Amino acid sequence: MPKEIQKDFIYQGDCLEILKQIPDQSVDLVFADPPYNMQTEGELLRSDGSSFSGVSDKWDKFESLHEYDDFSKQWLAECRRVLKYEKFN
């Protein structure tokens, strides 16, 4: 990743690695579609009664809820760090 952020460009890769290279308070907006840890065992039903089979893709697999929570806290902390904000009195 270049030292300066390219405008109108999509960076692909490990979100934590990329976010750590972005300067503090330099981003106007973060649009996130994170893993939701939607692995299921057995049948899961939606509110309308239809079946939901969960997600089995590698990007959504975590060894434990603790690992998922740690990952979520890390990427959210990095987003907070890079987002611009005004301090209010």
PDB file of N, CA and C in Angstrom:
ATOM      1  N   MET A   1       0.849  -1.183   0.000  1.00  0.00           N
ATOM      2  CA  MET A   1       0.000   0.000   0.000  1.00  0.00           C
ATOM      3  C   MET A   1       0.890   1.240   0.000  1.00  0.00           C
ATOM      4  N   PRO A   2       0.571   2.208  -0.845  1.00  0.00           N
ATOM      5  CA  PRO A   2       1.381   3.427  -0.877  1.00  0.00           C
ATOM      6  C   PRO A   2       1.245   4.222   0.419  1.00  0.00           C
ATOM      7  N   LYS A   3       2.213   5.110   0.660  1.00  0.00           N
ATOM      8  CA  LYS A   3       2.187   5.911   1.881  1.00  0.00           C
ATOM      9  C   LYS A   3       1.019   6.893   1.870  1.00  0.00           C
ATOM     10  N   GLU A   4       0.548   7.262   0.706  1.00  0.00           N
ATOM     11  CA  GLU A   4      -0.575   8.172   0.586  1.00  0.00           C
ATOM     12  C   GLU A   4      -1.787   7.380   0.097  1.00  0.00           C
ATOM     13  N   ILE A   5      -2.944   7.677   0.619  1.00  0.00           N
ATOM     14  CA  ILE A   5      -4.159   6.967   0.237  1.00  0.00           C
ATOM     15  C   ILE A   5      -4.596   7.426  -1.143  1.00  0.00           C
ATOM     16  N   GLN A   6      -4.872   6.465  -2.012  1.00  0.00           N
ATOM     17  CA  GLN A   6      -5.397   6.783  -3.324  1.00  0.00           C
ATOM     18  C   GLN A   6      -6.898   6.999  -3.215  1.00  0.00           C
ATOM     19  N   LYS A   7      -7.388   8.068  -3.800  1.00  0.00           N
ATOM     20  CA  LYS A   7      -8.828   8.322  -3.818  1.00  0.00           C
ATOM     21  C   LYS A   7      -9.461   7.482  -4.911  1.00  0.00           C
ATOM     22  N   ASP A   8     -10.726   7.108  -4.694  1.00  0.00           N
ATOM     23  CA  ASP A   8     -11.483   6.335  -5.674  1.00  0.00           C
ATOM     24  C   ASP A   8     -10.778   5.028  -6.039  1.00  0.00           C
ATOM     25  N   PHE A   9     -10.282   4.349  -5.031  1.00  0.00           N
ATOM     26  CA  PHE A   9      -9.552   3.101  -5.240  1.00  0.00           C
ATOM     27  C   PHE A   9      -9.981   2.106  -4.168  1.00  0.00           C
ATOM     28  N   ILE A  10     -10.133   0.871  -4.541  1.00  0.00           N
ATOM     29  CA  ILE A  10     -10.507  -0.167  -3.588  1.00  0.00           C
ATOM     30  C   ILE A  10      -9.263  -0.994  -3.267  1.00  0.00           C
ATOM     31  N   TYR A  11      -8.916  -1.029  -1.987  1.00  0.00           N
ATOM     32  CA  TYR A  11      -7.800  -1.848  -1.538  1.00  0.00           C
ATOM     33  C   TYR A  11      -8.333  -3.220  -1.166  1.00  0.00           C
ATOM     34  N   GLN A  12      -7.719  -4.256  -1.676  1.00  0.00           N
ATOM     35  CA  GLN A  12      -8.125  -5.616  -1.359  1.00  0.00           C
ATOM     36  C   GLN A  12      -7.020  -6.296  -0.570  1.00  0.00           C
ATOM     37  N   GLY A  13      -7.423  -7.041   0.448  1.00  0.00           N
ATOM     38  CA  GLY A  13      -6.450  -7.751   1.255  1.00  0.00           C
ATOM     39  C   GLY A  13      -6.954  -7.908   2.667  1.00  0.00           C
ATOM     40  N   ASP A  14      -6.063  -8.260   3.551  1.00  0.00           N
ATOM     41  CA  ASP A  14      -6.394  -8.420   4.955  1.00  0.00           C
ATOM     42  C   ASP A  14      -6.722  -7.036   5.521  1.00  0.00           C
ATOM     43  N   CYS A  15      -7.940  -6.869   6.012  1.00  0.00           N
ATOM     44  CA  CYS A  15      -8.380  -5.544   6.458  1.00  0.00           C
ATOM     45  C   CYS A  15      -7.497  -4.988   7.566  1.00  0.00           C
ATOM     46  N   LEU A  16      -7.042  -5.832   8.480  1.00  0.00           N
ATOM     47  CA  LEU A  16      -6.206  -5.330   9.573  1.00  0.00           C
ATOM     48  C   LEU A  16      -4.859  -4.844   9.061  1.00  0.00           C
ATOM     49  N   GLU A  17      -4.275  -5.566   8.112  1.00  0.00           N
ATOM     50  CA  GLU A  17      -2.986  -5.138   7.550  1.00  0.00           C
ATOM     51  C   GLU A  17      -3.128  -3.814   6.805  1.00  0.00           C
ATOM     52  N   ILE A  18      -4.194  -3.684   6.035  1.00  0.00           N
ATOM     53  CA  ILE A  18      -4.396  -2.458   5.259  1.00  0.00           C
ATOM     54  C   ILE A  18      -4.747  -1.286   6.165  1.00  0.00           C
ATOM     55  N   LEU A  19      -5.671  -1.478   7.097  1.00  0.00           N
ATOM     56  CA  LEU A  19      -6.063  -0.391   8.000  1.00  0.00           C
ATOM     57  C   LEU A  19      -4.873   0.136   8.803  1.00  0.00           C
ATOM     58  N   LYS A  20      -3.976  -0.730   9.224  1.00  0.00           N
ATOM     59  CA  LYS A  20      -2.829  -0.303  10.031  1.00  0.00           C
ATOM     60  C   LYS A  20      -1.880   0.610   9.258  1.00  0.00           C
ATOM     61  N   GLN A  21      -1.981   0.614   7.934  1.00  0.00           N
ATOM     62  CA  GLN A  21      -1.114   1.457   7.111  1.00  0.00           C
ATOM     63  C   GLN A  21      -1.742   2.814   6.791  1.00  0.00           C
ATOM     64  N   ILE A  22      -2.974   3.011   7.200  1.00  0.00           N
ATOM     65  CA  ILE A  22      -3.676   4.263   6.916  1.00  0.00           C
ATOM     66  C   ILE A  22      -3.452   5.236   8.069  1.00  0.00           C
ATOM     67  N   PRO A  23      -3.114   6.480   7.744  1.00  0.00           N
ATOM     68  CA  PRO A  23      -2.871   7.468   8.808  1.00  0.00           C
ATOM     69  C   PRO A  23      -4.110   7.724   9.669  1.00  0.00           C
ATOM     70  N   ASP A  24      -3.871   8.132  10.906  1.00  0.00           N
ATOM     71  CA  ASP A  24      -4.944   8.486  11.830  1.00  0.00           C
ATOM     72  C   ASP A  24      -5.823   9.584  11.229  1.00  0.00           C
ATOM     73  N   GLN A  25      -7.110   9.493  11.500  1.00  0.00           N
ATOM     74  CA  GLN A  25      -8.094  10.513  11.139  1.00  0.00           C
ATOM     75  C   GLN A  25      -7.936  11.015   9.703  1.00  0.00           C
ATOM     76  N   SER A  26      -7.832  10.085   8.759  1.00  0.00           N
ATOM     77  CA  SER A  26      -7.627  10.464   7.360  1.00  0.00           C
ATOM     78  C   SER A  26      -8.725   9.961   6.432  1.00  0.00           C
ATOM     79  N   VAL A  27      -9.744   9.323   6.981  1.00  0.00           N
ATOM     80  CA  VAL A  27     -10.787   8.703   6.162  1.00  0.00           C
ATOM     81  C   VAL A  27     -12.149   9.287   6.537  1.00  0.00           C
ATOM     82  N   ASP A  28     -12.946   9.607   5.516  1.00  0.00           N
ATOM     83  CA  ASP A  28     -14.279  10.171   5.758  1.00  0.00           C
ATOM     84  C   ASP A  28     -15.318   9.103   6.057  1.00  0.00           C
ATOM     85  N   LEU A  29     -15.169   7.929   5.479  1.00  0.00           N
ATOM     86  CA  LEU A  29     -16.192   6.903   5.601  1.00  0.00           C
ATOM     87  C   LEU A  29     -15.572   5.519   5.519  1.00  0.00           C
ATOM     88  N   VAL A  30     -16.042   4.628   6.360  1.00  0.00           N
ATOM     89  CA  VAL A  30     -15.671   3.220   6.269  1.00  0.00           C
ATOM     90  C   VAL A  30     -16.950   2.452   5.988  1.00  0.00           C
ATOM     91  N   PHE A  31     -16.953   1.707   4.905  1.00  0.00           N
ATOM     92  CA  PHE A  31     -18.078   0.835   4.580  1.00  0.00           C
ATOM     93  C   PHE A  31     -17.591  -0.582   4.837  1.00  0.00           C
ATOM     94  N   ALA A  32     -18.219  -1.257   5.763  1.00  0.00           N
ATOM     95  CA  ALA A  32     -17.742  -2.579   6.162  1.00  0.00           C
ATOM     96  C   ALA A  32     -18.786  -3.661   5.912  1.00  0.00           C
ATOM     97  N   ASP A  33     -18.317  -4.794   5.470  1.00  0.00           N
ATOM     98  CA  ASP A  33     -19.138  -5.997   5.326  1.00  0.00           C
ATOM     99  C   ASP A  33     -18.330  -7.122   5.968  1.00  0.00           C
ATOM    100  N   PRO A  34     -18.267  -7.103   7.298  1.00  0.00           N
ATOM    101  CA  PRO A  34     -17.391  -8.042   7.996  1.00  0.00           C
ATOM    102  C   PRO A  34     -17.970  -9.449   8.063  1.00  0.00           C
ATOM    103  N   PRO A  35     -17.149 -10.405   8.432  1.00  0.00           N
ATOM    104  CA  PRO A  35     -17.683 -11.735   8.723  1.00  0.00           C
ATOM    105  C   PRO A  35     -18.687 -11.627   9.873  1.00  0.00           C
ATOM    106  N   TYR A  36     -19.714 -12.434   9.834  1.00  0.00           N
ATOM    107  CA  TYR A  36     -20.744 -12.383  10.863  1.00  0.00           C
ATOM    108  C   TYR A  36     -20.752 -13.623  11.740  1.00  0.00           C
ATOM    109  N   ASN A  37     -19.771 -14.498  11.560  1.00  0.00           N
ATOM    110  CA  ASN A  37     -19.665 -15.716  12.372  1.00  0.00           C
ATOM    111  C   ASN A  37     -20.997 -16.475  12.347  1.00  0.00           C
ATOM    112  N   MET A  38     -21.468 -16.734  11.143  1.00  0.00           N
ATOM    113  CA  MET A  38     -22.780 -17.356  10.970  1.00  0.00           C
ATOM    114  C   MET A  38     -22.680 -18.852  10.670  1.00  0.00           C
ATOM    115  N   GLN A  39     -21.720 -19.479  11.271  1.00  0.00           N
ATOM    116  CA  GLN A  39     -21.618 -20.928  11.140  1.00  0.00           C
ATOM    117  C   GLN A  39     -22.673 -21.551  12.038  1.00  0.00           C
ATOM    118  N   THR A  40     -23.351 -22.530  11.527  1.00  0.00           N
ATOM    119  CA  THR A  40     -24.404 -23.155  12.312  1.00  0.00           C
ATOM    120  C   THR A  40     -24.235 -24.669  12.310  1.00  0.00           C
ATOM    121  N   GLU A  41     -24.724 -25.270  13.323  1.00  0.00           N
ATOM    122  CA  GLU A  41     -24.788 -26.724  13.393  1.00  0.00           C
ATOM    123  C   GLU A  41     -26.267 -27.075  13.488  1.00  0.00           C
ATOM    124  N   GLY A  42     -26.727 -27.965  12.632  1.00  0.00           N
ATOM    125  CA  GLY A  42     -28.135 -28.311  12.632  1.00  0.00           C
ATOM    126  C   GLY A  42     -28.938 -27.277  11.875  1.00  0.00           C
ATOM    127  N   GLU A  43     -30.237 -27.351  11.989  1.00  0.00           N
ATOM    128  CA  GLU A  43     -31.122 -26.464  11.256  1.00  0.00           C
ATOM    129  C   GLU A  43     -31.390 -25.181  12.040  1.00  0.00           C
ATOM    130  N   LEU A  44     -31.359 -24.080  11.323  1.00  0.00           N
ATOM    131  CA  LEU A  44     -31.668 -22.782  11.897  1.00  0.00           C
ATOM    132  C   LEU A  44     -32.807 -22.192  11.076  1.00  0.00           C
ATOM    133  N   LEU A  45     -33.823 -21.684  11.741  1.00  0.00           N
ATOM    134  CA  LEU A  45     -34.991 -21.154  11.034  1.00  0.00           C
ATOM    135  C   LEU A  45     -35.050 -19.640  11.138  1.00  0.00           C
ATOM    136  N   ARG A  46     -35.416 -19.011  10.020  1.00  0.00           N
ATOM    137  CA  ARG A  46     -35.667 -17.569  10.012  1.00  0.00           C
ATOM    138  C   ARG A  46     -37.025 -17.304  10.649  1.00  0.00           C
ATOM    139  N   SER A  47     -37.326 -16.040  10.900  1.00  0.00           N
ATOM    140  CA  SER A  47     -38.600 -15.685  11.539  1.00  0.00           C
ATOM    141  C   SER A  47     -39.813 -16.076  10.684  1.00  0.00           C
ATOM    142  N   ASP A  48     -39.602 -16.197   9.359  1.00  0.00           N
ATOM    143  CA  ASP A  48     -40.712 -16.597   8.493  1.00  0.00           C
ATOM    144  C   ASP A  48     -40.835 -18.115   8.364  1.00  0.00           C
ATOM    145  N   GLY A  49     -39.989 -18.860   9.077  1.00  0.00           N
ATOM    146  CA  GLY A  49     -40.050 -20.320   9.074  1.00  0.00           C
ATOM    147  C   GLY A  49     -39.173 -20.983   8.037  1.00  0.00           C
ATOM    148  N   SER A  50     -38.559 -20.195   7.133  1.00  0.00           N
ATOM    149  CA  SER A  50     -37.680 -20.793   6.127  1.00  0.00           C
ATOM    150  C   SER A  50     -36.351 -21.194   6.762  1.00  0.00           C
ATOM    151  N   SER A  51     -35.699 -22.153   6.146  1.00  0.00           N
ATOM    152  CA  SER A  51     -34.452 -22.703   6.681  1.00  0.00           C
ATOM    153  C   SER A  51     -33.260 -21.843   6.294  1.00  0.00           C
ATOM    154  N   PHE A  52     -32.320 -21.713   7.201  1.00  0.00           N
ATOM    155  CA  PHE A  52     -31.066 -20.990   6.959  1.00  0.00           C
ATOM    156  C   PHE A  52     -29.932 -21.948   7.241  1.00  0.00           C
ATOM    157  N   SER A  53     -29.053 -22.134   6.262  1.00  0.00           N
ATOM    158  CA  SER A  53     -27.999 -23.125   6.424  1.00  0.00           C
ATOM    159  C   SER A  53     -26.689 -22.545   6.954  1.00  0.00           C
ATOM    160  N   GLY A  54     -26.635 -21.259   7.187  1.00  0.00           N
ATOM    161  CA  GLY A  54     -25.419 -20.656   7.719  1.00  0.00           C
ATOM    162  C   GLY A  54     -24.399 -20.401   6.623  1.00  0.00           C
ATOM    163  N   VAL A  55     -23.201 -20.084   7.030  1.00  0.00           N
ATOM    164  CA  VAL A  55     -22.114 -19.775   6.111  1.00  0.00           C
ATOM    165  C   VAL A  55     -20.990 -20.763   6.348  1.00  0.00           C
ATOM    166  N   SER A  56     -20.441 -21.290   5.280  1.00  0.00           N
ATOM    167  CA  SER A  56     -19.345 -22.248   5.439  1.00  0.00           C
ATOM    168  C   SER A  56     -18.061 -21.778   4.765  1.00  0.00           C
ATOM    169  N   ASP A  57     -18.031 -20.522   4.301  1.00  0.00           N
ATOM    170  CA  ASP A  57     -16.847 -19.988   3.632  1.00  0.00           C
ATOM    171  C   ASP A  57     -15.715 -19.751   4.629  1.00  0.00           C
ATOM    172  N   LYS A  58     -14.485 -19.880   4.160  1.00  0.00           N
ATOM    173  CA  LYS A  58     -13.303 -19.746   5.015  1.00  0.00           C
ATOM    174  C   LYS A  58     -13.245 -18.386   5.724  1.00  0.00           C
ATOM    175  N   TRP A  59     -13.642 -17.308   5.031  1.00  0.00           N
ATOM    176  CA  TRP A  59     -13.542 -15.966   5.607  1.00  0.00           C
ATOM    177  C   TRP A  59     -14.468 -15.777   6.803  1.00  0.00           C
ATOM    178  N   ASP A  60     -15.418 -16.663   6.999  1.00  0.00           N
ATOM    179  CA  ASP A  60     -16.363 -16.528   8.112  1.00  0.00           C
ATOM    180  C   ASP A  60     -16.157 -17.593   9.179  1.00  0.00           C
ATOM    181  N   LYS A  61     -15.016 -18.252   9.156  1.00  0.00           N
ATOM    182  CA  LYS A  61     -14.775 -19.311  10.135  1.00  0.00           C
ATOM    183  C   LYS A  61     -13.829 -18.826  11.230  1.00  0.00           C
ATOM    184  N   PHE A  62     -14.246 -19.049  12.450  1.00  0.00           N
ATOM    185  CA  PHE A  62     -13.446 -18.700  13.620  1.00  0.00           C
ATOM    186  C   PHE A  62     -13.432 -19.898  14.549  1.00  0.00           C
ATOM    187  N   GLU A  63     -12.339 -20.083  15.243  1.00  0.00           N
ATOM    188  CA  GLU A  63     -12.204 -21.224  16.151  1.00  0.00           C
ATOM    189  C   GLU A  63     -13.150 -21.132  17.341  1.00  0.00           C
ATOM    190  N   SER A  64     -13.464 -19.902  17.730  1.00  0.00           N
ATOM    191  CA  SER A  64     -14.311 -19.721  18.917  1.00  0.00           C
ATOM    192  C   SER A  64     -14.973 -18.349  18.859  1.00  0.00           C
ATOM    193  N   LEU A  65     -15.957 -18.156  19.703  1.00  0.00           N
ATOM    194  CA  LEU A  65     -16.600 -16.855  19.814  1.00  0.00           C
ATOM    195  C   LEU A  65     -15.598 -15.812  20.317  1.00  0.00           C
ATOM    196  N   HIS A  66     -14.699 -16.222  21.188  1.00  0.00           N
ATOM    197  CA  HIS A  66     -13.660 -15.326  21.706  1.00  0.00           C
ATOM    198  C   HIS A  66     -12.764 -14.834  20.560  1.00  0.00           C
ATOM    199  N   GLU A  67     -12.372 -15.725  19.651  1.00  0.00           N
ATOM    200  CA  GLU A  67     -11.536 -15.338  18.511  1.00  0.00           C
ATOM    201  C   GLU A  67     -12.289 -14.351  17.608  1.00  0.00           C
ATOM    202  N   TYR A  68     -13.576 -14.609  17.389  1.00  0.00           N
ATOM    203  CA  TYR A  68     -14.390 -13.717  16.574  1.00  0.00           C
ATOM    204  C   TYR A  68     -14.512 -12.340  17.239  1.00  0.00           C
ATOM    205  N   ASP A  69     -14.750 -12.316  18.542  1.00  0.00           N
ATOM    206  CA  ASP A  69     -14.847 -11.051  19.276  1.00  0.00           C
ATOM    207  C   ASP A  69     -13.540 -10.269  19.189  1.00  0.00           C
ATOM    208  N   ASP A  70     -12.408 -10.947  19.360  1.00  0.00           N
ATOM    209  CA  ASP A  70     -11.102 -10.284  19.273  1.00  0.00           C
ATOM    210  C   ASP A  70     -10.897  -9.660  17.893  1.00  0.00           C
ATOM    211  N   PHE A  71     -11.200 -10.429  16.848  1.00  0.00           N
ATOM    212  CA  PHE A  71     -11.064  -9.914  15.486  1.00  0.00           C
ATOM    213  C   PHE A  71     -11.955  -8.682  15.295  1.00  0.00           C
ATOM    214  N   SER A  72     -13.196  -8.769  15.746  1.00  0.00           N
ATOM    215  CA  SER A  72     -14.137  -7.652  15.587  1.00  0.00           C
ATOM    216  C   SER A  72     -13.649  -6.409  16.321  1.00  0.00           C
ATOM    217  N   LYS A  73     -13.154  -6.578  17.520  1.00  0.00           N
ATOM    218  CA  LYS A  73     -12.642  -5.436  18.290  1.00  0.00           C
ATOM    219  C   LYS A  73     -11.448  -4.803  17.591  1.00  0.00           C
ATOM    220  N   GLN A  74     -10.590  -5.621  16.989  1.00  0.00           N
ATOM    221  CA  GLN A  74      -9.400  -5.101  16.308  1.00  0.00           C
ATOM    222  C   GLN A  74      -9.771  -4.265  15.093  1.00  0.00           C
ATOM    223  N   TRP A  75     -10.651  -4.801  14.220  1.00  0.00           N
ATOM    224  CA  TRP A  75     -10.946  -4.032  13.008  1.00  0.00           C
ATOM    225  C   TRP A  75     -11.785  -2.804  13.334  1.00  0.00           C
ATOM    226  N   LEU A  76     -12.651  -2.887  14.327  1.00  0.00           N
ATOM    227  CA  LEU A  76     -13.435  -1.710  14.711  1.00  0.00           C
ATOM    228  C   LEU A  76     -12.544  -0.624  15.321  1.00  0.00           C
ATOM    229  N   ALA A  77     -11.556  -1.017  16.107  1.00  0.00           N
ATOM    230  CA  ALA A  77     -10.618  -0.046  16.692  1.00  0.00           C
ATOM    231  C   ALA A  77      -9.817   0.649  15.598  1.00  0.00           C
ATOM    232  N   GLU A  78      -9.401  -0.110  14.583  1.00  0.00           N
ATOM    233  CA  GLU A  78      -8.656   0.496  13.476  1.00  0.00           C
ATOM    234  C   GLU A  78      -9.541   1.451  12.686  1.00  0.00           C
ATOM    235  N   CYS A  79     -10.800   1.091  12.472  1.00  0.00           N
ATOM    236  CA  CYS A  79     -11.719   1.995  11.772  1.00  0.00           C
ATOM    237  C   CYS A  79     -11.890   3.288  12.558  1.00  0.00           C
ATOM    238  N   ARG A  80     -12.049   3.174  13.848  1.00  0.00           N
ATOM    239  CA  ARG A  80     -12.198   4.366  14.686  1.00  0.00           C
ATOM    240  C   ARG A  80     -10.954   5.248  14.600  1.00  0.00           C
ATOM    241  N   ARG A  81      -9.797   4.624  14.569  1.00  0.00           N
ATOM    242  CA  ARG A  81      -8.544   5.372  14.515  1.00  0.00           C
ATOM    243  C   ARG A  81      -8.407   6.140  13.210  1.00  0.00           C
ATOM    244  N   VAL A  82      -8.790   5.544  12.078  1.00  0.00           N
ATOM    245  CA  VAL A  82      -8.580   6.196  10.784  1.00  0.00           C
ATOM    246  C   VAL A  82      -9.675   7.187  10.415  1.00  0.00           C
ATOM    247  N   LEU A  83     -10.837   7.083  11.050  1.00  0.00           N
ATOM    248  CA  LEU A  83     -11.941   7.975  10.711  1.00  0.00           C
ATOM    249  C   LEU A  83     -11.700   9.402  11.206  1.00  0.00           C
ATOM    250  N   LYS A  84     -12.041  10.357  10.355  1.00  0.00           N
ATOM    251  CA  LYS A  84     -11.976  11.767  10.749  1.00  0.00           C
ATOM    252  C   LYS A  84     -13.119  12.047  11.710  1.00  0.00           C
ATOM    253  N   TYR A  85     -12.895  12.925  12.639  1.00  0.00           N
ATOM    254  CA  TYR A  85     -13.960  13.340  13.539  1.00  0.00           C
ATOM    255  C   TYR A  85     -13.608  14.699  14.129  1.00  0.00           C
ATOM    256  N   GLU A  86     -14.648  15.384  14.540  1.00  0.00           N
ATOM    257  CA  GLU A  86     -14.455  16.659  15.215  1.00  0.00           C
ATOM    258  C   GLU A  86     -14.685  16.451  16.692  1.00  0.00           C
ATOM    259  N   LYS A  87     -13.877  17.074  17.495  1.00  0.00           N
ATOM    260  CA  LYS A  87     -14.072  17.002  18.940  1.00  0.00           C
ATOM    261  C   LYS A  87     -15.095  18.051  19.332  1.00  0.00           C
ATOM    262  N   PHE A  88     -16.090  17.610  20.073  1.00  0.00           N
ATOM    263  CA  PHE A  88     -17.131  18.516  20.530  1.00  0.00           C
ATOM    264  C   PHE A  88     -16.903  18.862  21.990  1.00  0.00           C
ATOM    265  N   ASN A  89     -17.188  20.088  22.352  1.00  0.00           N
ATOM    266  CA  ASN A  89     -17.036  20.509  23.748  1.00  0.00           C
ATOM    267  C   ASN A  89     -18.272  20.174  24.533  1.00  0.00           C
TER     268      ASN A  89
END
